[in-house]
N, C-alpha and C. Protein backbone atom coordinates (compact mmCIF):
# COMPACT_ATOMS: atom_id res chain seq x y z
N MET A 1 153.49 146.50 157.17
CA MET A 1 152.15 147.32 157.48
C MET A 1 152.22 146.96 158.89
N LYS A 2 151.78 148.14 159.59
CA LYS A 2 151.28 148.27 160.85
C LYS A 2 150.03 148.15 161.17
N LEU A 3 149.65 147.91 162.49
CA LEU A 3 148.62 146.96 162.59
C LEU A 3 147.05 148.37 162.34
N SER A 4 147.35 149.66 162.82
CA SER A 4 146.30 150.49 162.33
C SER A 4 146.14 150.62 160.63
N ALA A 5 147.27 149.96 160.09
CA ALA A 5 147.17 150.82 158.45
C ALA A 5 146.26 149.10 157.99
N LYS A 6 146.32 148.12 159.03
CA LYS A 6 145.73 147.00 158.52
C LYS A 6 144.51 147.30 158.67
N LEU A 7 143.89 147.92 160.23
CA LEU A 7 142.55 148.25 160.50
C LEU A 7 141.61 148.85 159.25
N TRP A 8 142.86 150.00 158.83
CA TRP A 8 142.00 151.35 158.20
C TRP A 8 141.65 150.31 156.68
N VAL A 9 142.24 149.26 156.01
CA VAL A 9 142.20 148.72 155.19
C VAL A 9 140.79 147.93 155.42
N VAL A 10 140.43 147.49 156.01
CA VAL A 10 139.51 146.30 156.33
C VAL A 10 138.69 146.52 156.84
N ILE A 11 138.39 148.55 157.46
CA ILE A 11 137.43 148.96 157.28
C ILE A 11 136.81 149.80 155.77
N ALA A 12 138.06 149.68 154.90
CA ALA A 12 137.57 150.42 154.01
C ALA A 12 136.82 149.29 152.99
N VAL A 13 137.44 148.00 153.09
CA VAL A 13 136.84 147.10 152.04
C VAL A 13 135.00 146.51 153.02
N LEU A 14 135.02 146.63 153.97
CA LEU A 14 133.93 146.55 154.62
C LEU A 14 132.73 148.03 154.12
N ILE A 15 133.13 149.13 153.97
CA ILE A 15 132.78 150.13 153.71
C ILE A 15 132.21 149.88 151.83
N VAL A 16 132.84 149.73 151.53
CA VAL A 16 132.56 149.35 149.54
C VAL A 16 131.89 147.72 149.56
N LEU A 17 132.13 146.80 150.93
CA LEU A 17 130.90 145.71 150.82
C LEU A 17 130.00 146.25 151.09
N SER A 18 129.16 147.17 151.63
CA SER A 18 128.35 147.77 152.39
C SER A 18 127.13 147.47 151.73
N PRO A 19 126.91 148.18 150.33
CA PRO A 19 125.35 147.76 149.32
C PRO A 19 125.16 146.12 148.94
N LEU A 20 126.36 144.92 149.57
CA LEU A 20 125.92 143.35 149.12
C LEU A 20 124.45 143.44 149.97
N GLY A 21 124.36 144.42 151.15
CA GLY A 21 122.72 144.22 151.22
C GLY A 21 121.44 144.71 150.47
N LEU A 22 121.81 145.13 149.31
CA LEU A 22 121.42 145.69 148.75
C LEU A 22 121.38 144.42 147.04
N LEU A 23 122.33 143.97 147.15
CA LEU A 23 122.22 143.24 145.87
C LEU A 23 122.00 142.00 145.71
N LEU A 24 122.54 141.64 147.49
CA LEU A 24 122.23 139.98 147.73
C LEU A 24 120.60 139.64 147.47
N PRO A 25 119.59 140.03 148.21
CA PRO A 25 118.60 139.99 147.94
C PRO A 25 117.54 140.09 146.83
N ARG A 26 118.01 141.09 146.01
CA ARG A 26 117.85 141.15 144.33
C ARG A 26 118.46 139.72 143.52
N TYR A 27 119.40 139.73 143.67
CA TYR A 27 119.94 138.32 143.09
C TYR A 27 119.48 136.84 143.61
N PHE A 28 119.32 137.16 145.07
CA PHE A 28 118.35 135.93 145.34
C PHE A 28 116.64 135.69 145.40
N LYS A 29 116.75 137.28 144.57
CA LYS A 29 114.43 137.19 144.95
C LYS A 29 113.78 137.14 146.03
N SER A 30 114.78 137.44 146.78
CA SER A 30 113.64 137.11 148.40
C SER A 30 113.18 138.48 148.92
N GLY A 31 112.17 138.33 150.16
CA GLY A 31 111.69 139.29 150.03
C GLY A 31 112.04 140.18 151.03
N GLY A 32 111.18 141.11 151.55
CA GLY A 32 111.61 142.42 152.79
C GLY A 32 112.26 141.53 153.97
N ALA A 33 112.65 142.78 154.46
CA ALA A 33 113.09 142.83 155.99
C ALA A 33 112.05 141.80 156.60
N TRP A 34 112.27 141.23 157.53
CA TRP A 34 111.63 139.85 158.31
C TRP A 34 111.60 140.55 160.06
N GLY A 35 112.64 141.24 160.59
CA GLY A 35 113.15 141.49 161.53
C GLY A 35 112.55 142.61 162.30
N GLU A 36 112.09 143.69 161.36
CA GLU A 36 111.75 144.96 162.03
C GLU A 36 110.57 145.04 162.59
N SER A 37 110.46 145.82 163.29
CA SER A 37 109.50 145.83 164.53
C SER A 37 108.85 147.30 164.33
N PRO A 38 107.53 147.26 164.12
CA PRO A 38 107.18 148.45 163.31
C PRO A 38 106.62 149.33 164.74
N LYS A 39 106.38 148.38 165.78
CA LYS A 39 106.11 148.89 167.20
C LYS A 39 107.04 150.00 167.37
N LEU A 40 108.47 149.69 167.72
CA LEU A 40 109.15 150.71 168.12
C LEU A 40 109.79 151.45 166.93
N SER A 41 109.02 151.92 165.80
CA SER A 41 110.10 152.00 164.74
C SER A 41 110.58 153.94 164.81
N ASN A 42 108.90 154.18 165.80
CA ASN A 42 109.09 155.94 166.02
C ASN A 42 109.91 156.15 166.94
N LEU A 43 110.63 155.33 167.93
CA LEU A 43 111.42 155.66 168.40
C LEU A 43 113.24 156.22 167.92
N TRP A 44 113.07 155.87 166.63
CA TRP A 44 114.70 156.63 166.39
C TRP A 44 114.22 156.63 164.63
N HIS A 45 114.81 158.33 164.07
CA HIS A 45 114.86 158.81 163.22
C HIS A 45 116.14 158.46 162.76
N ALA A 46 116.19 157.38 161.64
CA ALA A 46 117.51 157.89 160.99
C ALA A 46 117.91 159.14 160.93
N PRO A 47 119.07 159.58 160.97
CA PRO A 47 119.50 160.97 159.81
C PRO A 47 119.69 160.73 158.42
N ILE A 48 120.10 159.47 158.02
CA ILE A 48 119.91 159.22 156.00
C ILE A 48 118.54 158.10 156.43
N PRO A 49 117.93 157.90 155.94
CA PRO A 49 116.73 157.43 156.17
C PRO A 49 117.05 156.35 154.67
N ASP A 50 117.02 154.64 155.27
CA ASP A 50 117.49 153.62 154.13
C ASP A 50 118.15 153.66 153.84
N TYR A 51 119.33 154.33 154.02
CA TYR A 51 121.08 155.12 153.83
C TYR A 51 121.27 155.26 152.37
N ALA A 52 120.42 156.44 152.43
CA ALA A 52 120.05 156.69 151.12
C ALA A 52 119.61 158.51 150.78
N PHE A 53 119.70 158.91 150.40
CA PHE A 53 120.16 160.52 149.96
C PHE A 53 118.56 161.42 149.94
N LYS A 54 117.87 161.92 150.13
CA LYS A 54 116.39 162.53 149.84
C LYS A 54 116.79 162.77 148.23
N GLY A 55 115.38 161.45 148.03
CA GLY A 55 115.21 161.55 146.36
C GLY A 55 115.89 160.75 145.90
N TRP A 56 116.80 160.28 146.18
CA TRP A 56 117.69 158.90 146.00
C TRP A 56 116.81 157.61 146.10
N GLU A 57 115.96 157.79 146.73
CA GLU A 57 114.94 156.31 147.05
C GLU A 57 114.86 155.31 145.20
N GLU A 58 114.27 156.79 144.83
CA GLU A 58 113.71 155.46 143.52
C GLU A 58 114.67 155.47 142.31
N LYS A 59 115.87 155.83 142.59
CA LYS A 59 117.19 156.07 141.66
C LYS A 59 117.39 154.16 141.42
N GLY A 60 118.20 154.12 140.39
CA GLY A 60 118.81 152.70 140.15
C GLY A 60 119.61 152.06 141.26
N LEU A 61 119.68 150.68 141.30
CA LEU A 61 120.74 150.50 142.32
C LEU A 61 122.17 150.55 142.14
N PRO A 62 122.98 151.28 141.15
CA PRO A 62 124.02 151.91 141.10
C PRO A 62 124.55 153.27 142.04
N SER A 63 123.42 153.82 141.77
CA SER A 63 123.13 155.19 142.92
C SER A 63 122.59 154.33 144.59
N LEU A 64 121.51 153.69 144.43
CA LEU A 64 121.68 153.60 145.37
C LEU A 64 123.06 152.92 146.48
N SER A 65 124.15 151.87 145.84
CA SER A 65 124.81 151.61 146.47
C SER A 65 126.10 152.38 146.92
N PHE A 66 125.88 153.72 145.68
CA PHE A 66 126.97 154.99 146.11
C PHE A 66 126.52 155.33 147.10
N ALA A 67 125.28 155.80 147.67
CA ALA A 67 124.38 156.47 148.49
C ALA A 67 125.26 155.20 150.12
N TYR A 68 124.69 153.56 150.21
CA TYR A 68 125.08 152.99 150.53
C TYR A 68 126.73 153.18 151.45
N ILE A 69 127.29 153.22 150.12
CA ILE A 69 129.02 153.78 150.80
C ILE A 69 128.90 155.13 151.40
N ILE A 70 128.58 155.84 150.88
CA ILE A 70 128.78 157.43 151.29
C ILE A 70 128.20 157.10 153.13
N SER A 71 127.35 157.00 152.95
CA SER A 71 126.65 156.42 154.31
C SER A 71 127.28 155.51 155.32
N ALA A 72 128.25 154.68 154.66
CA ALA A 72 128.93 153.81 155.60
C ALA A 72 130.24 154.76 155.62
N ALA A 73 131.00 155.73 154.89
CA ALA A 73 132.16 156.50 155.25
C ALA A 73 131.53 157.66 156.32
N ILE A 74 130.33 158.02 156.54
CA ILE A 74 129.64 159.08 156.77
C ILE A 74 130.07 158.42 158.31
N GLY A 75 128.95 157.30 158.58
CA GLY A 75 128.94 156.98 159.54
C GLY A 75 130.61 156.88 160.38
N ILE A 76 131.58 155.70 159.84
CA ILE A 76 132.99 155.70 160.59
C ILE A 76 133.98 157.10 160.90
N VAL A 77 133.37 158.27 159.80
CA VAL A 77 133.63 159.31 160.16
C VAL A 77 133.38 159.51 161.44
N VAL A 78 132.43 160.06 161.51
CA VAL A 78 131.33 160.58 162.88
C VAL A 78 132.14 159.50 164.19
N VAL A 79 131.99 157.77 163.83
CA VAL A 79 132.20 157.07 165.25
C VAL A 79 134.12 157.64 165.92
N VAL A 80 134.70 157.50 164.69
CA VAL A 80 135.92 157.79 165.10
C VAL A 80 136.47 159.34 165.37
N LEU A 81 135.41 160.62 164.54
CA LEU A 81 135.78 161.51 165.60
C LEU A 81 135.44 161.32 167.19
N LEU A 82 133.62 160.91 166.88
CA LEU A 82 133.42 160.84 168.85
C LEU A 82 134.56 160.22 169.82
N ALA A 83 135.06 159.36 169.22
CA ALA A 83 136.21 158.41 170.09
C ALA A 83 137.12 159.14 170.17
N LEU A 84 138.25 159.82 169.24
CA LEU A 84 139.38 160.85 169.57
C LEU A 84 138.59 161.87 170.67
N ILE A 85 137.40 162.37 170.22
CA ILE A 85 137.05 163.72 171.15
C ILE A 85 136.93 163.03 172.71
N ILE A 86 136.14 162.21 173.28
CA ILE A 86 136.20 161.44 174.24
C ILE A 86 137.61 160.70 174.67
N GLY A 87 138.02 160.51 173.76
CA GLY A 87 139.46 159.91 174.50
C GLY A 87 140.70 161.38 174.92
N LYS A 88 140.49 162.58 173.43
CA LYS A 88 140.95 163.73 174.75
C LYS A 88 140.41 164.39 175.95
N VAL A 89 139.01 163.97 176.40
CA VAL A 89 138.63 164.32 176.93
C VAL A 89 139.22 163.59 178.65
N LEU A 90 139.29 162.54 178.29
CA LEU A 90 139.21 161.00 179.15
C LEU A 90 140.77 161.61 179.36
N SER A 91 141.27 161.62 178.86
CA SER A 91 142.70 161.98 178.63
C SER A 91 143.13 163.29 179.76
N LYS A 92 142.26 164.30 179.29
CA LYS A 92 142.66 165.66 180.24
C LYS A 92 142.63 165.76 181.29
N LYS A 93 141.16 164.50 181.60
CA LYS A 93 140.78 164.19 183.10
C LYS A 93 141.98 163.82 184.48
N GLY A 94 142.66 162.56 183.82
CA GLY A 94 143.75 161.89 184.11
C GLY A 94 144.61 162.82 184.54
N ASP A 95 145.37 164.03 183.51
CA ASP A 95 146.42 164.38 184.02
C ASP A 95 146.49 165.64 185.31
């Protein structure tokens, strides 16, 4: 298996594992996030807040897990596309 194929397999596994951030705190009955700064929260508003689609925040754990997986996949696609575009632009400057 090529290195790039192995990389995509690892990325796919990480995407599928992304809902662990939802599942483990509920399993261990832990509290909310502790490292977030309310003072800086107005500097950035995520395109998909809480990694869930509008109206999905109150749905059950399976729906939220699915939203996490879709959010992770969208993030990967955006990053890969940006990297490809930047690579094309920089390679044309070198010619």
